[in-house]
Amino acid sequence: MKAVTLRNLPPELARIIRKKADEQHASLNKVVIGLLEQSVGARGKSGETALYHDLDALAGSWTQQETAAFNKALAKQRTIDPDLWQ
């Protein structure tokens, strides 16, 4: 494949790409290719579908009280009504 040189890359964009590479333990080249594939809707070499991280900010954001309330609501839904299973 042909090599591409990027000139005048904005510092903030360079910082974001470097951060993504560090988080993924990947090379800058691999991250840039992945971002380009994602932006045009192309799949990688293996044909894998894209991973999405749009809900990552929610992970671990609940308080203990919110978690307890959620688990309590789930517990009610998980109870089995014996009359329905006769």
N, C-alpha and C. Protein backbone atom coordinates (compact mmCIF):
# COMPACT_ATOMS: atom_id res chain seq x y z
N MET A 1 0.84 -1.19 0.00
CA MET A 1 0.00 0.00 0.00
C MET A 1 0.87 1.23 0.00
N LYS A 2 0.35 2.27 -0.53
CA LYS A 2 1.06 3.53 -0.62
C LYS A 2 1.16 4.21 0.74
N ALA A 3 2.30 4.83 0.99
CA ALA A 3 2.50 5.58 2.23
C ALA A 3 1.95 6.99 2.06
N VAL A 4 1.43 7.54 3.15
CA VAL A 4 0.88 8.89 3.14
C VAL A 4 1.58 9.69 4.23
N THR A 5 1.96 10.91 3.92
CA THR A 5 2.57 11.80 4.90
C THR A 5 1.56 12.86 5.27
N LEU A 6 1.37 13.07 6.55
CA LEU A 6 0.46 14.11 7.02
C LEU A 6 1.28 15.31 7.44
N ARG A 7 0.93 16.47 6.92
CA ARG A 7 1.63 17.70 7.26
C ARG A 7 0.69 18.62 8.02
N ASN A 8 1.27 19.45 8.86
CA ASN A 8 0.52 20.45 9.61
C ASN A 8 -0.60 19.85 10.44
N LEU A 9 -0.32 18.70 11.05
CA LEU A 9 -1.30 18.05 11.91
C LEU A 9 -1.51 18.93 13.15
N PRO A 10 -2.74 19.33 13.42
CA PRO A 10 -2.99 20.18 14.58
C PRO A 10 -2.51 19.49 15.86
N PRO A 11 -1.88 20.22 16.76
CA PRO A 11 -1.34 19.63 17.98
C PRO A 11 -2.38 18.86 18.80
N GLU A 12 -3.60 19.37 18.88
CA GLU A 12 -4.64 18.69 19.66
C GLU A 12 -4.99 17.35 19.02
N LEU A 13 -5.06 17.31 17.71
CA LEU A 13 -5.34 16.06 17.00
C LEU A 13 -4.20 15.06 17.21
N ALA A 14 -2.98 15.54 17.13
CA ALA A 14 -1.82 14.67 17.37
C ALA A 14 -1.85 14.11 18.79
N ARG A 15 -2.24 14.93 19.75
CA ARG A 15 -2.33 14.48 21.14
C ARG A 15 -3.39 13.39 21.29
N ILE A 16 -4.54 13.57 20.65
CA ILE A 16 -5.63 12.59 20.74
C ILE A 16 -5.21 11.26 20.11
N ILE A 17 -4.56 11.32 18.97
CA ILE A 17 -4.11 10.10 18.30
C ILE A 17 -3.07 9.38 19.15
N ARG A 18 -2.14 10.12 19.71
CA ARG A 18 -1.11 9.53 20.58
C ARG A 18 -1.78 8.87 21.80
N LYS A 19 -2.77 9.54 22.38
CA LYS A 19 -3.48 9.00 23.54
C LYS A 19 -4.19 7.69 23.19
N LYS A 20 -4.86 7.67 22.03
CA LYS A 20 -5.54 6.45 21.59
C LYS A 20 -4.54 5.32 21.38
N ALA A 21 -3.40 5.64 20.81
CA ALA A 21 -2.37 4.63 20.58
C ALA A 21 -1.87 4.06 21.91
N ASP A 22 -1.66 4.93 22.88
CA ASP A 22 -1.22 4.48 24.20
C ASP A 22 -2.28 3.60 24.86
N GLU A 23 -3.54 4.01 24.78
CA GLU A 23 -4.63 3.25 25.39
C GLU A 23 -4.77 1.87 24.75
N GLN A 24 -4.57 1.80 23.45
CA GLN A 24 -4.74 0.54 22.72
C GLN A 24 -3.44 -0.27 22.63
N HIS A 25 -2.36 0.29 23.17
CA HIS A 25 -1.04 -0.34 23.07
C HIS A 25 -0.74 -0.67 21.61
N ALA A 26 -0.98 0.32 20.75
CA ALA A 26 -0.81 0.14 19.32
C ALA A 26 0.07 1.26 18.77
N SER A 27 0.54 1.05 17.54
CA SER A 27 1.35 2.08 16.89
C SER A 27 0.47 3.22 16.41
N LEU A 28 1.09 4.38 16.21
CA LEU A 28 0.35 5.52 15.66
C LEU A 28 -0.21 5.17 14.29
N ASN A 29 0.57 4.47 13.50
CA ASN A 29 0.14 4.07 12.16
C ASN A 29 -1.14 3.24 12.22
N LYS A 30 -1.15 2.25 13.11
CA LYS A 30 -2.31 1.36 13.23
C LYS A 30 -3.54 2.14 13.69
N VAL A 31 -3.35 3.06 14.62
CA VAL A 31 -4.47 3.86 15.12
C VAL A 31 -5.02 4.76 14.02
N VAL A 32 -4.15 5.42 13.28
CA VAL A 32 -4.60 6.30 12.20
C VAL A 32 -5.35 5.51 11.14
N ILE A 33 -4.84 4.34 10.76
CA ILE A 33 -5.54 3.50 9.78
C ILE A 33 -6.91 3.11 10.31
N GLY A 34 -6.98 2.74 11.58
CA GLY A 34 -8.26 2.37 12.18
C GLY A 34 -9.25 3.53 12.18
N LEU A 35 -8.78 4.73 12.50
CA LEU A 35 -9.64 5.91 12.49
C LEU A 35 -10.13 6.22 11.07
N LEU A 36 -9.26 6.07 10.09
CA LEU A 36 -9.67 6.30 8.71
C LEU A 36 -10.70 5.26 8.27
N GLU A 37 -10.47 3.99 8.60
CA GLU A 37 -11.43 2.94 8.25
C GLU A 37 -12.78 3.22 8.89
N GLN A 38 -12.76 3.62 10.15
CA GLN A 38 -13.99 3.90 10.88
C GLN A 38 -14.73 5.08 10.25
N SER A 39 -14.00 6.10 9.87
CA SER A 39 -14.64 7.31 9.35
C SER A 39 -15.30 7.08 7.99
N VAL A 40 -14.80 6.15 7.21
CA VAL A 40 -15.40 5.89 5.89
C VAL A 40 -16.29 4.65 5.90
N GLY A 41 -16.41 4.00 7.07
CA GLY A 41 -17.27 2.83 7.18
C GLY A 41 -16.66 1.57 6.61
N ALA A 42 -15.33 1.56 6.45
CA ALA A 42 -14.65 0.38 5.93
C ALA A 42 -14.33 -0.57 7.07
N ARG A 43 -14.17 -1.84 6.75
CA ARG A 43 -13.78 -2.83 7.74
C ARG A 43 -12.29 -3.11 7.60
N GLY A 44 -11.71 -3.56 8.69
CA GLY A 44 -10.29 -3.89 8.69
C GLY A 44 -10.00 -5.14 7.89
N LYS A 45 -8.75 -5.56 7.88
CA LYS A 45 -8.32 -6.73 7.10
C LYS A 45 -9.08 -7.99 7.47
N SER A 46 -9.38 -8.16 8.75
CA SER A 46 -10.04 -9.39 9.20
C SER A 46 -11.54 -9.35 8.99
N GLY A 47 -12.09 -8.22 8.51
CA GLY A 47 -13.52 -8.10 8.31
C GLY A 47 -14.29 -7.89 9.59
N GLU A 48 -13.58 -7.58 10.66
CA GLU A 48 -14.24 -7.39 11.95
C GLU A 48 -15.07 -6.12 11.94
N THR A 49 -16.12 -6.13 12.73
CA THR A 49 -16.96 -4.93 12.82
C THR A 49 -16.31 -3.95 13.80
N ALA A 50 -16.67 -2.71 13.67
CA ALA A 50 -16.08 -1.66 14.51
C ALA A 50 -16.55 -1.79 15.95
N LEU A 51 -15.67 -1.46 16.87
CA LEU A 51 -16.03 -1.39 18.28
C LEU A 51 -16.43 0.04 18.58
N TYR A 52 -17.47 0.18 19.38
CA TYR A 52 -17.93 1.52 19.72
C TYR A 52 -17.66 1.80 21.18
N HIS A 53 -17.33 3.02 21.47
CA HIS A 53 -17.01 3.42 22.83
C HIS A 53 -17.85 4.62 23.26
N ASP A 54 -19.03 4.77 22.64
CA ASP A 54 -19.83 5.96 22.93
C ASP A 54 -20.49 5.93 24.31
N LEU A 55 -20.51 4.80 24.98
CA LEU A 55 -21.10 4.73 26.32
C LEU A 55 -20.04 4.54 27.40
N ASP A 56 -18.78 4.62 27.04
CA ASP A 56 -17.70 4.41 28.00
C ASP A 56 -17.77 5.36 29.19
N ALA A 57 -18.23 6.58 28.96
CA ALA A 57 -18.28 7.56 30.04
C ALA A 57 -19.26 7.14 31.14
N LEU A 58 -20.21 6.26 30.82
CA LEU A 58 -21.18 5.82 31.81
C LEU A 58 -20.64 4.71 32.71
N ALA A 59 -19.66 3.96 32.22
CA ALA A 59 -19.12 2.84 32.99
C ALA A 59 -18.52 3.32 34.29
N GLY A 60 -18.99 2.76 35.38
CA GLY A 60 -18.47 3.11 36.69
C GLY A 60 -18.93 4.45 37.21
N SER A 61 -19.97 5.03 36.61
CA SER A 61 -20.37 6.37 37.01
C SER A 61 -21.52 6.38 38.03
N TRP A 62 -22.11 5.21 38.30
CA TRP A 62 -23.22 5.16 39.26
C TRP A 62 -22.69 5.21 40.69
N THR A 63 -23.47 5.85 41.54
CA THR A 63 -23.15 5.84 42.97
C THR A 63 -23.58 4.49 43.54
N GLN A 64 -23.17 4.20 44.76
CA GLN A 64 -23.58 2.94 45.40
C GLN A 64 -25.09 2.89 45.57
N GLN A 65 -25.70 4.03 45.86
CA GLN A 65 -27.15 4.08 46.03
C GLN A 65 -27.86 3.78 44.71
N GLU A 66 -27.35 4.34 43.62
CA GLU A 66 -27.96 4.08 42.30
C GLU A 66 -27.80 2.62 41.91
N THR A 67 -26.65 2.06 42.21
CA THR A 67 -26.42 0.65 41.91
C THR A 67 -27.36 -0.22 42.72
N ALA A 68 -27.53 0.08 44.00
CA ALA A 68 -28.43 -0.69 44.86
C ALA A 68 -29.86 -0.61 44.36
N ALA A 69 -30.31 0.57 43.97
CA ALA A 69 -31.67 0.74 43.45
C ALA A 69 -31.86 -0.06 42.17
N PHE A 70 -30.88 -0.05 41.31
CA PHE A 70 -30.96 -0.80 40.06
C PHE A 70 -31.03 -2.30 40.33
N ASN A 71 -30.16 -2.78 41.22
CA ASN A 71 -30.16 -4.20 41.55
C ASN A 71 -31.46 -4.63 42.21
N LYS A 72 -32.04 -3.74 43.02
CA LYS A 72 -33.32 -4.04 43.67
C LYS A 72 -34.42 -4.17 42.61
N ALA A 73 -34.43 -3.27 41.64
CA ALA A 73 -35.42 -3.34 40.56
C ALA A 73 -35.25 -4.61 39.74
N LEU A 74 -34.01 -5.00 39.48
CA LEU A 74 -33.76 -6.24 38.74
C LEU A 74 -34.21 -7.46 39.54
N ALA A 75 -33.99 -7.45 40.84
CA ALA A 75 -34.38 -8.58 41.68
C ALA A 75 -35.89 -8.82 41.60
N LYS A 76 -36.67 -7.75 41.56
CA LYS A 76 -38.12 -7.89 41.43
C LYS A 76 -38.48 -8.55 40.11
N GLN A 77 -37.76 -8.19 39.05
CA GLN A 77 -38.05 -8.75 37.73
C GLN A 77 -37.63 -10.21 37.62
N ARG A 78 -36.70 -10.60 38.41
CA ARG A 78 -36.15 -11.97 38.32
C ARG A 78 -36.90 -12.98 39.19
N THR A 79 -37.83 -12.52 39.98
CA THR A 79 -38.59 -13.47 40.80
C THR A 79 -39.54 -14.25 39.92
N ILE A 80 -39.73 -15.49 40.26
CA ILE A 80 -40.59 -16.38 39.49
C ILE A 80 -41.94 -16.48 40.19
N ASP A 81 -42.98 -16.24 39.44
CA ASP A 81 -44.34 -16.37 39.95
C ASP A 81 -44.75 -17.83 39.80
N PRO A 82 -44.87 -18.58 40.91
CA PRO A 82 -45.19 -20.01 40.81
C PRO A 82 -46.53 -20.29 40.14
N ASP A 83 -47.47 -19.34 40.24
CA ASP A 83 -48.77 -19.57 39.60
C ASP A 83 -48.67 -19.59 38.08
N LEU A 84 -47.68 -18.91 37.55
CA LEU A 84 -47.52 -18.90 36.10
C LEU A 84 -46.86 -20.17 35.57
N TRP A 85 -46.27 -20.97 36.44
CA TRP A 85 -45.51 -22.14 36.03
C TRP A 85 -46.17 -23.44 36.48
N GLN A 86 -47.47 -23.50 36.47
CA GLN A 86 -48.17 -24.73 36.83
C GLN A 86 -48.67 -25.44 35.62
